[in-house]
């Protein structure tokens, strides 16, 4: 069960014309861990980048990269020391998973898990 303890959405579009074509949402989450009897244990906290959205007509212009970088800066200020993770999952049939993973790797993320349809990645500064 996902446990979001805080939720933030970067203020892209709140008076800042530089970020008016999308958003990034993220929150603090806790890993699920269980003991041998199946009892849930406290897991490690981390920041999960939940969604990066760029308006369709503005894609391919570097805004996703810009939004991601700005969000990482904000996350590091708001939640110093917590790992930053995301689950790469294409949002449309036009987006290729390998291109998406390559994009995140170029921004400092490393693959940690390839479970299911998504590729889980963690930021390393």
C-alpha atoms as a PDB file:
ATOM      1  CA  UNK A   1       0.000   0.000   0.000  1.00  0.00           C
ATOM      2  CA  UNK A   2       1.364   3.366  -1.005  1.00  0.00           C
ATOM      3  CA  UNK A   3       1.731   5.855   1.829  1.00  0.00           C
ATOM      4  CA  UNK A   4       2.084   9.412   0.633  1.00  0.00           C
ATOM      5  CA  UNK A   5       3.028  11.596   3.550  1.00  0.00           C
ATOM      6  CA  UNK A   6       3.205  14.822   1.578  1.00  0.00           C
ATOM      7  CA  UNK A   7       2.344  15.909  -1.901  1.00  0.00           C
ATOM      8  CA  UNK A   8       3.742  18.770  -3.928  1.00  0.00           C
ATOM      9  CA  UNK A   9       3.077  20.035  -7.378  1.00  0.00           C
ATOM     10  CA  UNK A  10       5.632  22.430  -8.752  1.00  0.00           C
ATOM     11  CA  UNK A  11       4.152  25.810  -9.455  1.00  0.00           C
ATOM     12  CA  UNK A  12       4.659  25.639 -13.187  1.00  0.00           C
ATOM     13  CA  UNK A  13       2.022  28.029 -14.416  1.00  0.00           C
ATOM     14  CA  UNK A  14       1.401  29.912 -11.178  1.00  0.00           C
ATOM     15  CA  UNK A  15       2.498  33.309 -12.448  1.00  0.00           C
ATOM     16  CA  UNK A  16       5.791  32.011 -13.816  1.00  0.00           C
ATOM     17  CA  UNK A  17       5.443  32.221 -17.590  1.00  0.00           C
ATOM     18  CA  UNK A  18       8.565  30.096 -17.963  1.00  0.00           C
ATOM     19  CA  UNK A  19       6.658  27.037 -16.646  1.00  0.00           C
ATOM     20  CA  UNK A  20       3.156  27.476 -18.012  1.00  0.00           C
ATOM     21  CA  UNK A  21       3.029  24.405 -20.245  1.00  0.00           C
ATOM     22  CA  UNK A  22       3.062  21.537 -17.772  1.00  0.00           C
ATOM     23  CA  UNK A  23       3.740  20.317 -14.258  1.00  0.00           C
ATOM     24  CA  UNK A  24       5.585  17.793 -12.136  1.00  0.00           C
ATOM     25  CA  UNK A  25       3.954  16.123  -9.153  1.00  0.00           C
ATOM     26  CA  UNK A  26       5.845  14.351  -6.397  1.00  0.00           C
ATOM     27  CA  UNK A  27       5.427  13.244  -2.825  1.00  0.00           C
ATOM     28  CA  UNK A  28       7.131  11.402   0.002  1.00  0.00           C
ATOM     29  CA  UNK A  29       6.410   7.692  -0.090  1.00  0.00           C
ATOM     30  CA  UNK A  30       7.473   4.746   2.068  1.00  0.00           C
ATOM     31  CA  UNK A  31       8.766   1.406   0.812  1.00  0.00           C
ATOM     32  CA  UNK A  32       6.600  -1.569   1.630  1.00  0.00           C
ATOM     33  CA  UNK A  33       8.390  -4.086   3.818  1.00  0.00           C
ATOM     34  CA  UNK A  34       7.087  -7.131   5.658  1.00  0.00           C
ATOM     35  CA  UNK A  35       8.540  -9.434   8.279  1.00  0.00           C
ATOM     36  CA  UNK A  36       8.484 -13.250   8.096  1.00  0.00           C
ATOM     37  CA  UNK A  37       4.964 -13.329   9.579  1.00  0.00           C
ATOM     38  CA  UNK A  38       3.627 -10.885   6.991  1.00  0.00           C
ATOM     39  CA  UNK A  39       3.438  -7.933   9.362  1.00  0.00           C
ATOM     40  CA  UNK A  40       4.175  -4.604   7.718  1.00  0.00           C
ATOM     41  CA  UNK A  41       7.383  -2.899   8.822  1.00  0.00           C
ATOM     42  CA  UNK A  42       8.501   0.697   8.476  1.00  0.00           C
ATOM     43  CA  UNK A  43      10.301   1.010   5.170  1.00  0.00           C
ATOM     44  CA  UNK A  44      12.656   3.651   3.823  1.00  0.00           C
ATOM     45  CA  UNK A  45      11.177   7.028   2.937  1.00  0.00           C
ATOM     46  CA  UNK A  46      11.854   8.396  -0.513  1.00  0.00           C
ATOM     47  CA  UNK A  47      10.475  11.040  -2.843  1.00  0.00           C
ATOM     48  CA  UNK A  48       8.472   9.642  -5.728  1.00  0.00           C
ATOM     49  CA  UNK A  49       8.155  11.767  -8.843  1.00  0.00           C
ATOM     50  CA  UNK A  50       4.645  10.722  -9.711  1.00  0.00           C
ATOM     51  CA  UNK A  51       4.041  12.536 -12.989  1.00  0.00           C
ATOM     52  CA  UNK A  52       5.814  14.796 -15.431  1.00  0.00           C
ATOM     53  CA  UNK A  53       3.412  16.416 -17.846  1.00  0.00           C
ATOM     54  CA  UNK A  54       4.216  18.690 -20.767  1.00  0.00           C
ATOM     55  CA  UNK A  55       1.444  20.013 -22.984  1.00  0.00           C
ATOM     56  CA  UNK A  56       1.384  17.958 -26.169  1.00  0.00           C
ATOM     57  CA  UNK A  57       1.988  20.939 -28.472  1.00  0.00           C
ATOM     58  CA  UNK A  58       5.089  21.894 -26.431  1.00  0.00           C
ATOM     59  CA  UNK A  59       6.801  18.492 -26.425  1.00  0.00           C
ATOM     60  CA  UNK A  60      10.211  18.155 -28.032  1.00  0.00           C
ATOM     61  CA  UNK A  61      11.314  21.638 -26.949  1.00  0.00           C
ATOM     62  CA  UNK A  62      13.253  20.706 -23.818  1.00  0.00           C
ATOM     63  CA  UNK A  63      10.524  21.614 -21.326  1.00  0.00           C
ATOM     64  CA  UNK A  64      10.317  18.126 -19.794  1.00  0.00           C
ATOM     65  CA  UNK A  65      14.054  18.223 -19.108  1.00  0.00           C
ATOM     66  CA  UNK A  66      13.762  21.735 -17.671  1.00  0.00           C
ATOM     67  CA  UNK A  67      10.796  20.804 -15.460  1.00  0.00           C
ATOM     68  CA  UNK A  68      12.572  17.680 -14.210  1.00  0.00           C
ATOM     69  CA  UNK A  69      15.746  19.576 -13.320  1.00  0.00           C
ATOM     70  CA  UNK A  70      13.816  22.315 -11.515  1.00  0.00           C
ATOM     71  CA  UNK A  71      11.796  19.724  -9.593  1.00  0.00           C
ATOM     72  CA  UNK A  72      14.925  17.857  -8.502  1.00  0.00           C
ATOM     73  CA  UNK A  73      16.340  21.132  -7.147  1.00  0.00           C
ATOM     74  CA  UNK A  74      13.095  21.767  -5.249  1.00  0.00           C
ATOM     75  CA  UNK A  75      12.950  18.204  -3.915  1.00  0.00           C
ATOM     76  CA  UNK A  76      16.538  18.375  -2.667  1.00  0.00           C
ATOM     77  CA  UNK A  77      15.703  21.601  -0.781  1.00  0.00           C
ATOM     78  CA  UNK A  78      12.376  20.327   0.615  1.00  0.00           C
ATOM     79  CA  UNK A  79      13.512  16.777   1.455  1.00  0.00           C
ATOM     80  CA  UNK A  80      17.311  16.760   1.845  1.00  0.00           C
ATOM     81  CA  UNK A  81      18.854  13.324   1.984  1.00  0.00           C
ATOM     82  CA  UNK A  82      15.830  11.386   0.753  1.00  0.00           C
ATOM     83  CA  UNK A  83      16.308   9.257  -2.372  1.00  0.00           C
ATOM     84  CA  UNK A  84      14.450  10.488  -5.466  1.00  0.00           C
ATOM     85  CA  UNK A  85      12.722   7.806  -7.525  1.00  0.00           C
ATOM     86  CA  UNK A  86      10.345   7.519 -10.431  1.00  0.00           C
ATOM     87  CA  UNK A  87       8.691   4.803 -12.464  1.00  0.00           C
ATOM     88  CA  UNK A  88       9.280   5.364 -16.159  1.00  0.00           C
ATOM     89  CA  UNK A  89       6.140   4.478 -18.057  1.00  0.00           C
ATOM     90  CA  UNK A  90       5.247   5.896 -21.463  1.00  0.00           C
ATOM     91  CA  UNK A  91       1.962   7.798 -21.378  1.00  0.00           C
ATOM     92  CA  UNK A  92       1.052   7.232 -25.016  1.00  0.00           C
ATOM     93  CA  UNK A  93       1.594   4.871 -27.908  1.00  0.00           C
ATOM     94  CA  UNK A  94       3.957   7.397 -29.487  1.00  0.00           C
ATOM     95  CA  UNK A  95       6.488   7.258 -26.651  1.00  0.00           C
ATOM     96  CA  UNK A  96       9.132   4.523 -26.701  1.00  0.00           C
ATOM     97  CA  UNK A  97      10.219   2.975 -23.363  1.00  0.00           C
ATOM     98  CA  UNK A  98      13.904   2.773 -24.313  1.00  0.00           C
ATOM     99  CA  UNK A  99      13.912   6.456 -25.318  1.00  0.00           C
ATOM    100  CA  UNK A 100      12.218   7.348 -22.024  1.00  0.00           C
ATOM    101  CA  UNK A 101      14.771   5.378 -19.983  1.00  0.00           C
ATOM    102  CA  UNK A 102      17.605   6.966 -22.005  1.00  0.00           C
ATOM    103  CA  UNK A 103      16.146  10.407 -21.222  1.00  0.00           C
ATOM    104  CA  UNK A 104      16.044   9.763 -17.470  1.00  0.00           C
ATOM    105  CA  UNK A 105      19.518   8.196 -17.505  1.00  0.00           C
ATOM    106  CA  UNK A 106      20.845  11.332 -19.214  1.00  0.00           C
ATOM    107  CA  UNK A 107      19.462  13.299 -16.242  1.00  0.00           C
ATOM    108  CA  UNK A 108      21.220  11.187 -13.604  1.00  0.00           C
ATOM    109  CA  UNK A 109      18.720   8.387 -12.939  1.00  0.00           C
ATOM    110  CA  UNK A 110      19.748   4.723 -12.803  1.00  0.00           C
ATOM    111  CA  UNK A 111      17.527   1.690 -13.338  1.00  0.00           C
ATOM    112  CA  UNK A 112      16.842  -0.131 -10.067  1.00  0.00           C
ATOM    113  CA  UNK A 113      13.974  -2.438 -11.074  1.00  0.00           C
ATOM    114  CA  UNK A 114      12.225  -3.545 -14.248  1.00  0.00           C
ATOM    115  CA  UNK A 115       9.171  -5.049 -12.592  1.00  0.00           C
ATOM    116  CA  UNK A 116       6.007  -5.026 -14.698  1.00  0.00           C
ATOM    117  CA  UNK A 117       5.345  -2.400 -17.345  1.00  0.00           C
ATOM    118  CA  UNK A 118       7.326   0.358 -15.624  1.00  0.00           C
ATOM    119  CA  UNK A 119      11.063   0.804 -15.143  1.00  0.00           C
ATOM    120  CA  UNK A 120      11.868   2.011 -11.626  1.00  0.00           C
ATOM    121  CA  UNK A 121      14.767   4.479 -11.498  1.00  0.00           C
ATOM    122  CA  UNK A 122      16.619   6.390  -8.774  1.00  0.00           C
ATOM    123  CA  UNK A 123      18.402   9.722  -9.053  1.00  0.00           C
ATOM    124  CA  UNK A 124      22.095   9.862  -8.236  1.00  0.00           C
ATOM    125  CA  UNK A 125      23.563  13.353  -8.109  1.00  0.00           C
END
